[in-house]
Amino acid sequence: MMILLSFMPQFLEYSSDVRIFVMLGRGTDKKIYSANDIYNEVGESCCLGLPFFHAFTGCDSTSSFFEKSKKKLFEHWMKSEHTQDVTLAFQQLSWLPTTETFGNNMDIIEQFVATLYCKDVAELGHTRFEMFLHSATNDFRKLPPSRRSLEQHVKRSSYQAGWVWGNTLSCRNPPSKLEWGWRKHPTKDELTIDWTGPGVTISDQISVEKVIATCKCKVLVMDRKCLNCKGNRSNMPCLRYCHCKRSCVI
């Protein structure tokens, strides 16, 4: 439905009298919806940004945000203090985007995601840090993505939206996927997802996870040592992201 709505301007340009209906659902829960009515209610400006929004919030070829539904993200889009800027960014990334288009819109996308997790903070690094410090669990999935990880996700979403769906009528030669969030598999003749961009290895990520997954870091007031770090099997010092804020090794 989202992709259909994004092409409604072309359909209406071909014939202003065109009426499109879509049946959705399964079994006895099937319903018929008027694409024209939804298009008129949502508005052309928003509909033109739906391809990127659909890919960005999770589709067959892109990942989604953990425990963040499309409905929640759409409501966040509509209620954002910067709705017009977000809409413009979604539009530009939905139709044959370039690397320049991507770069020009990353700051507003970062702000959009950061305020999804914490409405008063518009920078992902600070949001991740504060959420981790105050988290009752070590479940990384509940944290917002890092800036570098978000950049790769935006690239893949832009490619899917702008060069797969958005290129349907233009039929232009798409750019290399290696420039848009994928990398060559080290041993197989295929592409794999580039989660973090250049400079970060899987071994680096595993080392960090080992420390945080085993360290509870409840600090003793008197001798300034963690209750659990002595038994840390990874034999690595605490990070500044641990609850002790490295007081156990200072």
C-alpha atoms as a PDB file:
ATOM      1  CA  MET A   1       0.000   0.000   0.000  1.00  0.00           C
ATOM      2  CA  MET A   2       2.793   2.442   0.867  1.00  0.00           C
ATOM      3  CA  ILE A   3       4.520   1.985  -2.480  1.00  0.00           C
ATOM      4  CA  LEU A   4       1.196   2.334  -4.279  1.00  0.00           C
ATOM      5  CA  LEU A   5       0.453   5.606  -2.483  1.00  0.00           C
ATOM      6  CA  SER A   6       3.836   7.012  -3.509  1.00  0.00           C
ATOM      7  CA  PHE A   7       2.924   6.500  -7.180  1.00  0.00           C
ATOM      8  CA  MET A   8      -0.524   8.062  -6.884  1.00  0.00           C
ATOM      9  CA  PRO A   9       0.622  11.409  -8.381  1.00  0.00           C
ATOM     10  CA  GLN A  10       1.638   9.584 -11.577  1.00  0.00           C
ATOM     11  CA  PHE A  11      -1.669   7.722 -11.727  1.00  0.00           C
ATOM     12  CA  LEU A  12      -3.659  10.915 -11.214  1.00  0.00           C
ATOM     13  CA  GLU A  13      -1.566  12.749 -13.790  1.00  0.00           C
ATOM     14  CA  TYR A  14      -2.427  10.046 -16.305  1.00  0.00           C
ATOM     15  CA  SER A  15      -6.130  10.322 -15.450  1.00  0.00           C
ATOM     16  CA  SER A  16      -7.690  12.512 -12.766  1.00  0.00           C
ATOM     17  CA  ASP A  17     -10.681  10.149 -12.681  1.00  0.00           C
ATOM     18  CA  VAL A  18      -8.686   7.034 -11.795  1.00  0.00           C
ATOM     19  CA  ARG A  19      -9.929   5.183  -8.708  1.00  0.00           C
ATOM     20  CA  ILE A  20      -7.803   2.485  -7.083  1.00  0.00           C
ATOM     21  CA  PHE A  21      -8.994   0.012  -4.462  1.00  0.00           C
ATOM     22  CA  VAL A  22      -6.890  -2.469  -2.521  1.00  0.00           C
ATOM     23  CA  MET A  23      -8.055  -5.563  -0.650  1.00  0.00           C
ATOM     24  CA  LEU A  24      -6.000  -6.303   2.457  1.00  0.00           C
ATOM     25  CA  GLY A  25      -6.263  -8.955   5.147  1.00  0.00           C
ATOM     26  CA  ARG A  26      -6.791 -12.696   5.336  1.00  0.00           C
ATOM     27  CA  GLY A  27      -9.799 -14.976   5.398  1.00  0.00           C
ATOM     28  CA  THR A  28     -12.869 -13.322   6.866  1.00  0.00           C
ATOM     29  CA  ASP A  29     -10.815 -10.261   7.915  1.00  0.00           C
ATOM     30  CA  LYS A  30     -10.386  -8.975   4.380  1.00  0.00           C
ATOM     31  CA  LYS A  31     -11.237  -5.317   3.814  1.00  0.00           C
ATOM     32  CA  ILE A  32     -11.281  -3.083   0.776  1.00  0.00           C
ATOM     33  CA  TYR A  33      -9.553   0.281   1.053  1.00  0.00           C
ATOM     34  CA  SER A  34      -9.651   3.254  -1.292  1.00  0.00           C
ATOM     35  CA  ALA A  35      -6.119   4.340  -2.174  1.00  0.00           C
ATOM     36  CA  ASN A  36      -7.530   7.683  -3.324  1.00  0.00           C
ATOM     37  CA  ASP A  37      -9.116   8.396   0.056  1.00  0.00           C
ATOM     38  CA  ILE A  38      -5.939   7.496   1.951  1.00  0.00           C
ATOM     39  CA  TYR A  39      -3.846   9.565  -0.441  1.00  0.00           C
ATOM     40  CA  ASN A  40      -6.076  12.602   0.030  1.00  0.00           C
ATOM     41  CA  GLU A  41      -6.028  12.230   3.807  1.00  0.00           C
ATOM     42  CA  VAL A  42      -2.271  11.695   4.147  1.00  0.00           C
ATOM     43  CA  GLY A  43      -1.325  14.227   1.479  1.00  0.00           C
ATOM     44  CA  GLU A  44       0.941  14.155  -1.555  1.00  0.00           C
ATOM     45  CA  SER A  45       3.996  15.476   0.294  1.00  0.00           C
ATOM     46  CA  CYS A  46       3.919  12.663   2.853  1.00  0.00           C
ATOM     47  CA  CYS A  47       3.105   9.970   0.282  1.00  0.00           C
ATOM     48  CA  LEU A  48       6.167  10.870  -1.785  1.00  0.00           C
ATOM     49  CA  GLY A  49       8.322  10.048   1.245  1.00  0.00           C
ATOM     50  CA  LEU A  50       6.684   6.704   1.980  1.00  0.00           C
ATOM     51  CA  PRO A  51       9.118   4.510  -0.024  1.00  0.00           C
ATOM     52  CA  PHE A  52      12.053   5.499   2.180  1.00  0.00           C
ATOM     53  CA  PHE A  53       9.903   5.352   5.318  1.00  0.00           C
ATOM     54  CA  HIS A  54       8.772   1.820   4.431  1.00  0.00           C
ATOM     55  CA  ALA A  55      12.325   0.593   3.840  1.00  0.00           C
ATOM     56  CA  PHE A  56      13.722   2.530   6.815  1.00  0.00           C
ATOM     57  CA  THR A  57      11.245   0.970   9.253  1.00  0.00           C
ATOM     58  CA  GLY A  58      11.829  -2.550   7.932  1.00  0.00           C
ATOM     59  CA  CYS A  59      10.952  -4.459   4.785  1.00  0.00           C
ATOM     60  CA  ASP A  60      12.065  -7.683   3.056  1.00  0.00           C
ATOM     61  CA  SER A  61      15.591  -6.357   2.417  1.00  0.00           C
ATOM     62  CA  THR A  62      16.139  -4.058   5.413  1.00  0.00           C
ATOM     63  CA  SER A  63      16.054  -4.465   9.176  1.00  0.00           C
ATOM     64  CA  SER A  64      13.658  -2.761  11.572  1.00  0.00           C
ATOM     65  CA  PHE A  65      14.123  -0.986  14.898  1.00  0.00           C
ATOM     66  CA  PHE A  66      13.704  -3.369  17.831  1.00  0.00           C
ATOM     67  CA  GLU A  67      10.257  -2.982  19.430  1.00  0.00           C
ATOM     68  CA  LYS A  68       9.538   0.090  17.284  1.00  0.00           C
ATOM     69  CA  SER A  69       6.589  -0.588  14.975  1.00  0.00           C
ATOM     70  CA  LYS A  70       5.830   1.205  11.726  1.00  0.00           C
ATOM     71  CA  LYS A  71       2.792   2.721  13.399  1.00  0.00           C
ATOM     72  CA  LYS A  72       4.898   4.184  16.201  1.00  0.00           C
ATOM     73  CA  LEU A  73       7.462   5.581  13.791  1.00  0.00           C
ATOM     74  CA  PHE A  74       4.750   7.052  11.565  1.00  0.00           C
ATOM     75  CA  GLU A  75       3.145   8.771  14.549  1.00  0.00           C
ATOM     76  CA  HIS A  76       6.562  10.085  15.550  1.00  0.00           C
ATOM     77  CA  TRP A  77       6.995  11.436  12.018  1.00  0.00           C
ATOM     78  CA  MET A  78       3.640  13.212  12.045  1.00  0.00           C
ATOM     79  CA  LYS A  79       4.097  14.642  15.564  1.00  0.00           C
ATOM     80  CA  SER A  80       7.726  15.664  15.190  1.00  0.00           C
ATOM     81  CA  GLU A  81       8.690  19.294  15.750  1.00  0.00           C
ATOM     82  CA  HIS A  82      10.543  19.054  12.443  1.00  0.00           C
ATOM     83  CA  THR A  83       7.924  17.203  10.407  1.00  0.00           C
ATOM     84  CA  GLN A  84       8.508  19.278   7.272  1.00  0.00           C
ATOM     85  CA  ASP A  85      12.280  18.727   7.352  1.00  0.00           C
ATOM     86  CA  VAL A  86      11.826  14.995   7.967  1.00  0.00           C
ATOM     87  CA  THR A  87       9.281  14.745   5.141  1.00  0.00           C
ATOM     88  CA  LEU A  88      11.637  16.511   2.731  1.00  0.00           C
ATOM     89  CA  ALA A  89      14.478  14.173   3.711  1.00  0.00           C
ATOM     90  CA  PHE A  90      12.255  11.116   3.211  1.00  0.00           C
ATOM     91  CA  GLN A  91      11.218  12.421  -0.210  1.00  0.00           C
ATOM     92  CA  GLN A  92      14.770  13.025  -1.393  1.00  0.00           C
ATOM     93  CA  LEU A  93      15.888   9.569  -0.265  1.00  0.00           C
ATOM     94  CA  SER A  94      12.900   7.890  -1.936  1.00  0.00           C
ATOM     95  CA  TRP A  95      13.640   8.805  -5.557  1.00  0.00           C
ATOM     96  CA  LEU A  96      17.025   8.060  -7.175  1.00  0.00           C
ATOM     97  CA  PRO A  97      19.137   9.374  -4.266  1.00  0.00           C
ATOM     98  CA  THR A  98      22.832  10.195  -4.630  1.00  0.00           C
ATOM     99  CA  THR A  99      25.630  10.049  -2.064  1.00  0.00           C
ATOM    100  CA  GLU A 100      25.314  13.825  -1.805  1.00  0.00           C
ATOM    101  CA  THR A 101      21.587  13.508  -1.047  1.00  0.00           C
ATOM    102  CA  PHE A 102      22.403  10.974   1.631  1.00  0.00           C
ATOM    103  CA  GLY A 103      25.016  13.215   3.250  1.00  0.00           C
ATOM    104  CA  ASN A 104      22.786  16.280   3.223  1.00  0.00           C
ATOM    105  CA  ASN A 105      19.994  14.470   5.076  1.00  0.00           C
ATOM    106  CA  MET A 106      21.877  12.424   7.690  1.00  0.00           C
ATOM    107  CA  ASP A 107      21.670  15.031  10.441  1.00  0.00           C
ATOM    108  CA  ILE A 108      17.879  15.328  10.259  1.00  0.00           C
ATOM    109  CA  ILE A 109      17.552  11.515  10.118  1.00  0.00           C
ATOM    110  CA  GLU A 110      19.779  11.181  13.192  1.00  0.00           C
ATOM    111  CA  GLN A 111      17.674  13.744  15.030  1.00  0.00           C
ATOM    112  CA  PHE A 112      14.512  11.898  14.010  1.00  0.00           C
ATOM    113  CA  VAL A 113      15.809   8.591  15.406  1.00  0.00           C
ATOM    114  CA  ALA A 114      17.356  10.076  18.558  1.00  0.00           C
ATOM    115  CA  THR A 115      14.109  11.823  19.545  1.00  0.00           C
ATOM    116  CA  LEU A 116      12.241   8.573  18.931  1.00  0.00           C
ATOM    117  CA  TYR A 117      14.090   7.101  21.920  1.00  0.00           C
ATOM    118  CA  CYS A 118      14.421  10.283  23.993  1.00  0.00           C
ATOM    119  CA  LYS A 119      12.410  13.336  22.954  1.00  0.00           C
ATOM    120  CA  ASP A 120      14.738  15.833  24.629  1.00  0.00           C
ATOM    121  CA  VAL A 121      17.978  14.608  23.014  1.00  0.00           C
ATOM    122  CA  ALA A 122      18.780  15.009  19.322  1.00  0.00           C
ATOM    123  CA  GLU A 123      22.191  13.278  19.261  1.00  0.00           C
ATOM    124  CA  LEU A 124      22.449   9.506  19.081  1.00  0.00           C
ATOM    125  CA  GLY A 125      25.721   9.082  20.974  1.00  0.00           C
ATOM    126  CA  HIS A 126      24.396  10.827  24.077  1.00  0.00           C
ATOM    127  CA  THR A 127      21.073   8.993  23.844  1.00  0.00           C
ATOM    128  CA  ARG A 128      22.793   5.586  23.632  1.00  0.00           C
ATOM    129  CA  PHE A 129      25.095   6.431  26.548  1.00  0.00           C
ATOM    130  CA  GLU A 130      22.336   7.583  28.885  1.00  0.00           C
ATOM    131  CA  MET A 131      20.020   4.687  27.978  1.00  0.00           C
ATOM    132  CA  PHE A 132      22.780   2.156  28.587  1.00  0.00           C
ATOM    133  CA  LEU A 133      23.749   3.633  31.960  1.00  0.00           C
ATOM    134  CA  HIS A 134      20.171   3.549  33.194  1.00  0.00           C
ATOM    135  CA  SER A 135      19.180   0.246  31.628  1.00  0.00           C
ATOM    136  CA  ALA A 136      18.136  -2.594  33.929  1.00  0.00           C
ATOM    137  CA  THR A 137      19.403  -5.157  31.393  1.00  0.00           C
ATOM    138  CA  ASN A 138      22.282  -5.579  28.970  1.00  0.00           C
ATOM    139  CA  ASP A 139      19.989  -6.046  25.977  1.00  0.00           C
ATOM    140  CA  PHE A 140      21.721  -4.066  23.225  1.00  0.00           C
ATOM    141  CA  ARG A 141      18.688  -4.414  20.968  1.00  0.00           C
ATOM    142  CA  LYS A 142      16.780  -1.848  23.010  1.00  0.00           C
ATOM    143  CA  LEU A 143      19.405   0.830  22.417  1.00  0.00           C
ATOM    144  CA  PRO A 144      19.206   3.188  19.439  1.00  0.00           C
ATOM    145  CA  PRO A 145      21.777   2.530  16.701  1.00  0.00           C
ATOM    146  CA  SER A 146      25.101   4.312  16.683  1.00  0.00           C
ATOM    147  CA  ARG A 147      25.622   7.103  14.153  1.00  0.00           C
ATOM    148  CA  ARG A 148      27.816   4.851  11.988  1.00  0.00           C
ATOM    149  CA  SER A 149      25.343   1.988  12.091  1.00  0.00           C
ATOM    150  CA  LEU A 150      22.471   4.355  11.294  1.00  0.00           C
ATOM    151  CA  GLU A 151      24.368   5.705   8.298  1.00  0.00           C
ATOM    152  CA  GLN A 152      24.659   2.210   6.817  1.00  0.00           C
ATOM    153  CA  HIS A 153      20.980   1.527   7.496  1.00  0.00           C
ATOM    154  CA  VAL A 154      19.970   4.778   5.807  1.00  0.00           C
ATOM    155  CA  LYS A 155      22.110   3.867   2.797  1.00  0.00           C
ATOM    156  CA  ARG A 156      20.456   0.457   2.412  1.00  0.00           C
ATOM    157  CA  SER A 157      16.988   1.952   2.912  1.00  0.00           C
ATOM    158  CA  SER A 158      17.712   4.673   0.353  1.00  0.00           C
ATOM    159  CA  TYR A 159      18.916   2.120  -2.178  1.00  0.00           C
ATOM    160  CA  GLN A 160      15.847  -0.064  -1.719  1.00  0.00           C
ATOM    161  CA  ALA A 161      13.466   2.893  -1.846  1.00  0.00           C
ATOM    162  CA  GLY A 162      15.095   5.034  -4.495  1.00  0.00           C
ATOM    163  CA  TRP A 163      16.870   2.567  -6.762  1.00  0.00           C
ATOM    164  CA  VAL A 164      14.530  -0.422  -6.594  1.00  0.00           C
ATOM    165  CA  TRP A 165      11.023   0.966  -6.090  1.00  0.00           C
ATOM    166  CA  GLY A 166      11.712   4.553  -7.139  1.00  0.00           C
ATOM    167  CA  ASN A 167      13.526   3.468 -10.284  1.00  0.00           C
ATOM    168  CA  THR A 168      10.539   1.513 -11.608  1.00  0.00           C
ATOM    169  CA  LEU A 169       9.540   4.141 -14.153  1.00  0.00           C
ATOM    170  CA  SER A 170      12.961   5.702 -14.812  1.00  0.00           C
ATOM    171  CA  CYS A 171      14.780   2.385 -15.399  1.00  0.00           C
ATOM    172  CA  ARG A 172      18.207   3.981 -14.879  1.00  0.00           C
ATOM    173  CA  ASN A 173      21.322   1.958 -14.149  1.00  0.00           C
ATOM    174  CA  PRO A 174      21.588   1.720 -10.341  1.00  0.00           C
ATOM    175  CA  PRO A 175      24.840   2.465  -8.481  1.00  0.00           C
ATOM    176  CA  SER A 176      26.939  -0.255  -6.899  1.00  0.00           C
ATOM    177  CA  LYS A 177      25.504  -1.716  -3.705  1.00  0.00           C
ATOM    178  CA  LEU A 178      29.010  -1.508  -2.208  1.00  0.00           C
ATOM    179  CA  GLU A 179      28.414   2.239  -1.905  1.00  0.00           C
ATOM    180  CA  TRP A 180      25.055   1.775  -0.202  1.00  0.00           C
ATOM    181  CA  GLY A 181      25.462  -0.276   2.958  1.00  0.00           C
ATOM    182  CA  TRP A 182      26.716  -3.640   1.709  1.00  0.00           C
ATOM    183  CA  ARG A 183      30.180  -5.187   1.517  1.00  0.00           C
ATOM    184  CA  LYS A 184      31.740  -8.209  -0.150  1.00  0.00           C
ATOM    185  CA  HIS A 185      31.638 -11.402   1.885  1.00  0.00           C
ATOM    186  CA  PRO A 186      35.208 -12.340   2.947  1.00  0.00           C
ATOM    187  CA  THR A 187      34.951 -15.976   1.822  1.00  0.00           C
ATOM    188  CA  LYS A 188      31.884 -16.273  -0.408  1.00  0.00           C
ATOM    189  CA  ASP A 189      31.082 -14.739  -3.770  1.00  0.00           C
ATOM    190  CA  GLU A 190      28.195 -12.686  -2.448  1.00  0.00           C
ATOM    191  CA  LEU A 191      27.348  -9.460  -0.661  1.00  0.00           C
ATOM    192  CA  THR A 192      26.696  -9.141   3.050  1.00  0.00           C
ATOM    193  CA  ILE A 193      25.311  -6.330   5.177  1.00  0.00           C
ATOM    194  CA  ASP A 194      27.794  -3.709   6.336  1.00  0.00           C
ATOM    195  CA  TRP A 195      26.501  -2.930   9.812  1.00  0.00           C
ATOM    196  CA  THR A 196      29.036  -0.332  10.926  1.00  0.00           C
ATOM    197  CA  GLY A 197      30.984   0.970   7.946  1.00  0.00           C
ATOM    198  CA  PRO A 198      34.785   0.822   7.507  1.00  0.00           C
ATOM    199  CA  GLY A 199      37.104   0.666  10.499  1.00  0.00           C
ATOM    200  CA  VAL A 200      35.103  -1.562  12.870  1.00  0.00           C
ATOM    201  CA  THR A 201      35.637  -5.318  12.913  1.00  0.00           C
ATOM    202  CA  ILE A 202      33.442  -8.084  14.258  1.00  0.00           C
ATOM    203  CA  SER A 203      36.140  -9.008  16.794  1.00  0.00           C
ATOM    204  CA  ASP A 204      36.010  -5.456  18.192  1.00  0.00           C
ATOM    205  CA  GLN A 205      32.269  -5.735  18.720  1.00  0.00           C
ATOM    206  CA  ILE A 206      32.541  -9.172  20.352  1.00  0.00           C
ATOM    207  CA  SER A 207      35.191  -7.918  22.799  1.00  0.00           C
ATOM    208  CA  VAL A 208      32.951  -5.078  23.934  1.00  0.00           C
ATOM    209  CA  GLU A 209      29.949  -7.364  24.292  1.00  0.00           C
ATOM    210  CA  LYS A 210      31.919  -9.813  26.449  1.00  0.00           C
ATOM    211  CA  VAL A 211      32.744  -7.126  28.969  1.00  0.00           C
ATOM    212  CA  ILE A 212      29.283  -5.619  29.219  1.00  0.00           C
ATOM    213  CA  ALA A 213      27.461  -8.950  29.219  1.00  0.00           C
ATOM    214  CA  THR A 214      29.352 -10.135  32.329  1.00  0.00           C
ATOM    215  CA  CYS A 215      29.733  -6.902  34.308  1.00  0.00           C
ATOM    216  CA  LYS A 216      26.890  -5.733  36.576  1.00  0.00           C
ATOM    217  CA  CYS A 217      29.108  -3.085  38.188  1.00  0.00           C
ATOM    218  CA  LYS A 218      27.361  -2.414  41.494  1.00  0.00           C
ATOM    219  CA  VAL A 219      30.014  -0.342  43.211  1.00  0.00           C
ATOM    220  CA  LEU A 220      30.950  -0.710  46.901  1.00  0.00           C
ATOM    221  CA  VAL A 221      31.182   2.696  48.547  1.00  0.00           C
ATOM    222  CA  MET A 222      34.179   1.931  50.793  1.00  0.00           C
ATOM    223  CA  ASP A 223      36.769   0.136  48.669  1.00  0.00           C
ATOM    224  CA  ARG A 224      35.504   1.378  45.282  1.00  0.00           C
ATOM    225  CA  LYS A 225      35.421  -2.086  43.701  1.00  0.00           C
ATOM    226  CA  CYS A 226      32.714  -3.765  41.669  1.00  0.00           C
ATOM    227  CA  LEU A 227      30.907  -6.718  43.166  1.00  0.00           C
ATOM    228  CA  ASN A 228      31.092  -8.714  39.956  1.00  0.00           C
ATOM    229  CA  CYS A 229      34.142  -7.537  38.003  1.00  0.00           C
ATOM    230  CA  LYS A 230      36.555  -9.817  39.888  1.00  0.00           C
ATOM    231  CA  GLY A 231      34.877 -12.774  38.257  1.00  0.00           C
ATOM    232  CA  ASN A 232      34.835 -11.238  34.812  1.00  0.00           C
ATOM    233  CA  ARG A 233      35.833 -14.147  32.585  1.00  0.00           C
ATOM    234  CA  SER A 234      36.863 -11.890  29.714  1.00  0.00           C
ATOM    235  CA  ASN A 235      39.723 -10.498  31.862  1.00  0.00           C
ATOM    236  CA  MET A 236      39.096  -7.040  30.447  1.00  0.00           C
ATOM    237  CA  PRO A 237      38.709  -3.785  32.394  1.00  0.00           C
ATOM    238  CA  CYS A 238      35.344  -2.088  32.658  1.00  0.00           C
ATOM    239  CA  LEU A 239      34.331   0.491  30.089  1.00  0.00           C
ATOM    240  CA  ARG A 240      33.050   3.974  30.774  1.00  0.00           C
ATOM    241  CA  TYR A 241      29.620   2.646  29.739  1.00  0.00           C
ATOM    242  CA  CYS A 242      29.507   0.246  32.710  1.00  0.00           C
ATOM    243  CA  HIS A 243      27.461   1.311  35.710  1.00  0.00           C
ATOM    244  CA  CYS A 244      30.630   1.867  37.740  1.00  0.00           C
ATOM    245  CA  LYS A 245      31.880   4.365  35.104  1.00  0.00           C
ATOM    246  CA  ARG A 246      35.356   2.774  35.499  1.00  0.00           C
ATOM    247  CA  SER A 247      35.591   3.690  39.195  1.00  0.00           C
ATOM    248  CA  CYS A 248      36.666   0.091  39.826  1.00  0.00           C
ATOM    249  CA  VAL A 249      39.880   0.534  37.816  1.00  0.00           C
ATOM    250  CA  ILE A 250      40.708   4.156  38.644  1.00  0.00           C
END
